[in-house]
Amino acid sequence: MLAEPFNMALPSFAQHLKVLEASGLIASEKRGRTRWCWLERARFDEAADWMAAERQRWSERLDRLELYLDTTQNDEG
């Protein structure tokens, strides 16, 4: 069973899969009594690109904050 390695009940795990499928990160289909899932690689690449851009944006913001704090501390001291 897919949920066993994650120490989760199947309904909880299925809910997580629904969220992933709704976001387009996975796809699934029912074959008989079994649901088959697979990764949608292109969507993971899009998510990775977005995260990299956000990481860069926050890094720049934190650098500016650090510079501002250094400047204000030097002005006070």
N, C-alpha and C. Protein backbone atom coordinates (compact mmCIF):
# COMPACT_ATOMS: atom_id res chain seq x y z
N MET A 1 0.84 -1.18 0.00
CA MET A 1 0.00 0.00 0.00
C MET A 1 0.89 1.24 0.00
N LEU A 2 0.49 2.22 -0.77
CA LEU A 2 1.27 3.44 -0.94
C LEU A 2 1.42 4.23 0.35
N ALA A 3 0.43 4.25 1.21
CA ALA A 3 0.47 5.07 2.42
C ALA A 3 1.35 4.49 3.52
N GLU A 4 1.62 3.20 3.50
CA GLU A 4 2.35 2.55 4.60
C GLU A 4 3.70 3.17 4.93
N PRO A 5 4.58 3.44 3.95
CA PRO A 5 5.89 4.00 4.31
C PRO A 5 5.80 5.38 4.96
N PHE A 6 4.66 6.04 4.85
CA PHE A 6 4.51 7.39 5.36
C PHE A 6 3.78 7.43 6.70
N ASN A 7 3.45 6.26 7.25
CA ASN A 7 2.78 6.16 8.55
C ASN A 7 1.51 7.03 8.57
N MET A 8 0.72 6.91 7.51
CA MET A 8 -0.52 7.67 7.39
C MET A 8 -1.66 6.71 7.09
N ALA A 9 -2.84 7.10 7.54
CA ALA A 9 -4.03 6.35 7.16
C ALA A 9 -4.31 6.60 5.68
N LEU A 10 -4.87 5.63 5.02
CA LEU A 10 -5.13 5.74 3.58
C LEU A 10 -6.01 6.94 3.22
N PRO A 11 -7.08 7.23 3.98
CA PRO A 11 -7.88 8.41 3.62
C PRO A 11 -7.09 9.72 3.68
N SER A 12 -6.22 9.85 4.67
CA SER A 12 -5.38 11.05 4.77
C SER A 12 -4.43 11.13 3.59
N PHE A 13 -3.84 10.01 3.24
CA PHE A 13 -2.90 9.97 2.12
C PHE A 13 -3.63 10.29 0.82
N ALA A 14 -4.82 9.74 0.67
CA ALA A 14 -5.61 9.99 -0.54
C ALA A 14 -5.94 11.48 -0.66
N GLN A 15 -6.21 12.14 0.47
CA GLN A 15 -6.50 13.57 0.43
C GLN A 15 -5.28 14.35 -0.06
N HIS A 16 -4.08 13.97 0.39
CA HIS A 16 -2.86 14.61 -0.07
C HIS A 16 -2.67 14.40 -1.58
N LEU A 17 -2.97 13.19 -2.05
CA LEU A 17 -2.87 12.91 -3.48
C LEU A 17 -3.84 13.78 -4.28
N LYS A 18 -5.04 14.00 -3.74
CA LYS A 18 -6.01 14.84 -4.43
C LYS A 18 -5.48 16.27 -4.59
N VAL A 19 -4.83 16.78 -3.55
CA VAL A 19 -4.27 18.13 -3.61
C VAL A 19 -3.17 18.18 -4.67
N LEU A 20 -2.29 17.17 -4.67
CA LEU A 20 -1.22 17.12 -5.66
C LEU A 20 -1.78 17.01 -7.08
N GLU A 21 -2.83 16.23 -7.23
CA GLU A 21 -3.43 16.08 -8.55
C GLU A 21 -4.13 17.37 -8.99
N ALA A 22 -4.81 18.03 -8.06
CA ALA A 22 -5.48 19.29 -8.39
C ALA A 22 -4.47 20.36 -8.80
N SER A 23 -3.27 20.29 -8.25
CA SER A 23 -2.23 21.27 -8.60
C SER A 23 -1.51 20.90 -9.89
N GLY A 24 -1.78 19.71 -10.41
CA GLY A 24 -1.15 19.28 -11.65
C GLY A 24 0.21 18.63 -11.46
N LEU A 25 0.62 18.41 -10.20
CA LEU A 25 1.93 17.81 -9.96
C LEU A 25 1.93 16.30 -10.18
N ILE A 26 0.76 15.68 -10.04
CA ILE A 26 0.63 14.26 -10.35
C ILE A 26 -0.63 14.07 -11.19
N ALA A 27 -0.71 12.92 -11.82
CA ALA A 27 -1.91 12.50 -12.53
C ALA A 27 -2.23 11.09 -12.06
N SER A 28 -3.45 10.67 -12.22
CA SER A 28 -3.81 9.32 -11.81
C SER A 28 -4.96 8.81 -12.67
N GLU A 29 -5.10 7.51 -12.64
CA GLU A 29 -6.24 6.88 -13.29
C GLU A 29 -6.55 5.59 -12.55
N LYS A 30 -7.80 5.23 -12.57
CA LYS A 30 -8.23 4.02 -11.90
C LYS A 30 -8.20 2.87 -12.90
N ARG A 31 -7.54 1.80 -12.51
CA ARG A 31 -7.47 0.58 -13.33
C ARG A 31 -8.00 -0.56 -12.47
N GLY A 32 -9.23 -0.92 -12.71
CA GLY A 32 -9.86 -1.94 -11.87
C GLY A 32 -10.07 -1.37 -10.48
N ARG A 33 -9.54 -2.07 -9.46
CA ARG A 33 -9.67 -1.61 -8.08
C ARG A 33 -8.46 -0.81 -7.64
N THR A 34 -7.54 -0.57 -8.54
CA THR A 34 -6.29 0.10 -8.20
C THR A 34 -6.23 1.48 -8.84
N ARG A 35 -5.72 2.45 -8.11
CA ARG A 35 -5.48 3.79 -8.67
C ARG A 35 -4.00 3.93 -8.91
N TRP A 36 -3.63 4.22 -10.16
CA TRP A 36 -2.23 4.41 -10.56
C TRP A 36 -1.93 5.90 -10.60
N CYS A 37 -0.82 6.29 -10.02
CA CYS A 37 -0.41 7.70 -9.99
C CYS A 37 0.96 7.83 -10.63
N TRP A 38 1.20 8.97 -11.27
CA TRP A 38 2.53 9.26 -11.81
C TRP A 38 2.79 10.75 -11.70
N LEU A 39 4.07 11.09 -11.70
CA LEU A 39 4.48 12.49 -11.62
C LEU A 39 4.32 13.17 -12.96
N GLU A 40 3.95 14.43 -12.92
CA GLU A 40 3.90 15.27 -14.12
C GLU A 40 5.17 16.13 -14.10
N ARG A 41 6.21 15.64 -14.74
CA ARG A 41 7.54 16.24 -14.65
C ARG A 41 7.55 17.72 -15.05
N ALA A 42 6.82 18.09 -16.08
CA ALA A 42 6.82 19.49 -16.53
C ALA A 42 6.32 20.42 -15.43
N ARG A 43 5.30 19.99 -14.69
CA ARG A 43 4.77 20.82 -13.59
C ARG A 43 5.79 20.95 -12.46
N PHE A 44 6.55 19.87 -12.19
CA PHE A 44 7.60 19.96 -11.18
C PHE A 44 8.68 20.93 -11.62
N ASP A 45 9.01 20.93 -12.90
CA ASP A 45 10.00 21.88 -13.42
C ASP A 45 9.50 23.31 -13.27
N GLU A 46 8.21 23.54 -13.56
CA GLU A 46 7.63 24.87 -13.38
C GLU A 46 7.69 25.30 -11.91
N ALA A 47 7.36 24.38 -11.02
CA ALA A 47 7.40 24.69 -9.59
C ALA A 47 8.83 24.99 -9.14
N ALA A 48 9.79 24.23 -9.64
CA ALA A 48 11.20 24.47 -9.29
C ALA A 48 11.66 25.82 -9.80
N ASP A 49 11.25 26.19 -11.00
CA ASP A 49 11.60 27.51 -11.55
C ASP A 49 11.01 28.62 -10.69
N TRP A 50 9.75 28.46 -10.30
CA TRP A 50 9.10 29.46 -9.46
C TRP A 50 9.81 29.59 -8.11
N MET A 51 10.15 28.44 -7.51
CA MET A 51 10.85 28.47 -6.21
C MET A 51 12.21 29.13 -6.34
N ALA A 52 12.92 28.88 -7.41
CA ALA A 52 14.23 29.50 -7.62
C ALA A 52 14.09 31.02 -7.74
N ALA A 53 13.08 31.47 -8.47
CA ALA A 53 12.85 32.91 -8.61
C ALA A 53 12.48 33.54 -7.27
N GLU A 54 11.64 32.86 -6.50
CA GLU A 54 11.28 33.37 -5.18
C GLU A 54 12.48 33.39 -4.24
N ARG A 55 13.30 32.36 -4.30
CA ARG A 55 14.51 32.31 -3.48
C ARG A 55 15.41 33.50 -3.80
N GLN A 56 15.58 33.79 -5.08
CA GLN A 56 16.40 34.92 -5.50
C GLN A 56 15.81 36.23 -5.01
N ARG A 57 14.50 36.37 -5.16
CA ARG A 57 13.83 37.61 -4.74
C ARG A 57 13.98 37.83 -3.24
N TRP A 58 13.79 36.77 -2.44
CA TRP A 58 13.92 36.92 -0.99
C TRP A 58 15.36 37.11 -0.58
N SER A 59 16.29 36.52 -1.27
CA SER A 59 17.70 36.73 -0.98
C SER A 59 18.07 38.19 -1.18
N GLU A 60 17.59 38.78 -2.28
CA GLU A 60 17.85 40.20 -2.54
C GLU A 60 17.20 41.08 -1.48
N ARG A 61 15.99 40.75 -1.07
CA ARG A 61 15.31 41.54 -0.03
C ARG A 61 16.06 41.45 1.29
N LEU A 62 16.50 40.26 1.64
CA LEU A 62 17.23 40.10 2.90
C LEU A 62 18.57 40.81 2.86
N ASP A 63 19.22 40.80 1.70
CA ASP A 63 20.48 41.54 1.56
C ASP A 63 20.24 43.04 1.78
N ARG A 64 19.16 43.56 1.20
CA ARG A 64 18.84 44.99 1.39
C ARG A 64 18.51 45.29 2.84
N LEU A 65 17.79 44.39 3.50
CA LEU A 65 17.46 44.57 4.91
C LEU A 65 18.73 44.57 5.76
N GLU A 66 19.62 43.63 5.47
CA GLU A 66 20.88 43.57 6.21
C GLU A 66 21.68 44.86 6.03
N LEU A 67 21.75 45.36 4.82
CA LEU A 67 22.46 46.61 4.56
C LEU A 67 21.81 47.77 5.31
N TYR A 68 20.49 47.83 5.30
CA TYR A 68 19.77 48.88 6.01
C TYR A 68 20.06 48.80 7.51
N LEU A 69 19.98 47.60 8.08
CA LEU A 69 20.23 47.44 9.51
C LEU A 69 21.67 47.80 9.86
N ASP A 70 22.61 47.39 9.03
CA ASP A 70 24.02 47.76 9.27
C ASP A 70 24.18 49.28 9.24
N THR A 71 23.53 49.93 8.29
CA THR A 71 23.63 51.38 8.16
C THR A 71 23.02 52.09 9.37
N THR A 72 21.84 51.65 9.79
CA THR A 72 21.18 52.31 10.92
C THR A 72 21.92 52.04 12.22
N GLN A 73 22.50 50.87 12.38
CA GLN A 73 23.27 50.58 13.60
C GLN A 73 24.54 51.40 13.63
N ASN A 74 25.18 51.58 12.49
CA ASN A 74 26.40 52.39 12.43
C ASN A 74 26.08 53.86 12.71
N ASP A 75 24.93 54.34 12.27
CA ASP A 75 24.53 55.72 12.52
C ASP A 75 24.28 55.96 14.00
N GLU A 76 23.77 54.93 14.69
CA GLU A 76 23.45 55.07 16.11
C GLU A 76 24.68 54.86 17.00
N GLY A 77 25.64 54.11 16.53
CA GLY A 77 26.78 53.75 17.37
C GLY A 77 27.95 54.55 17.07
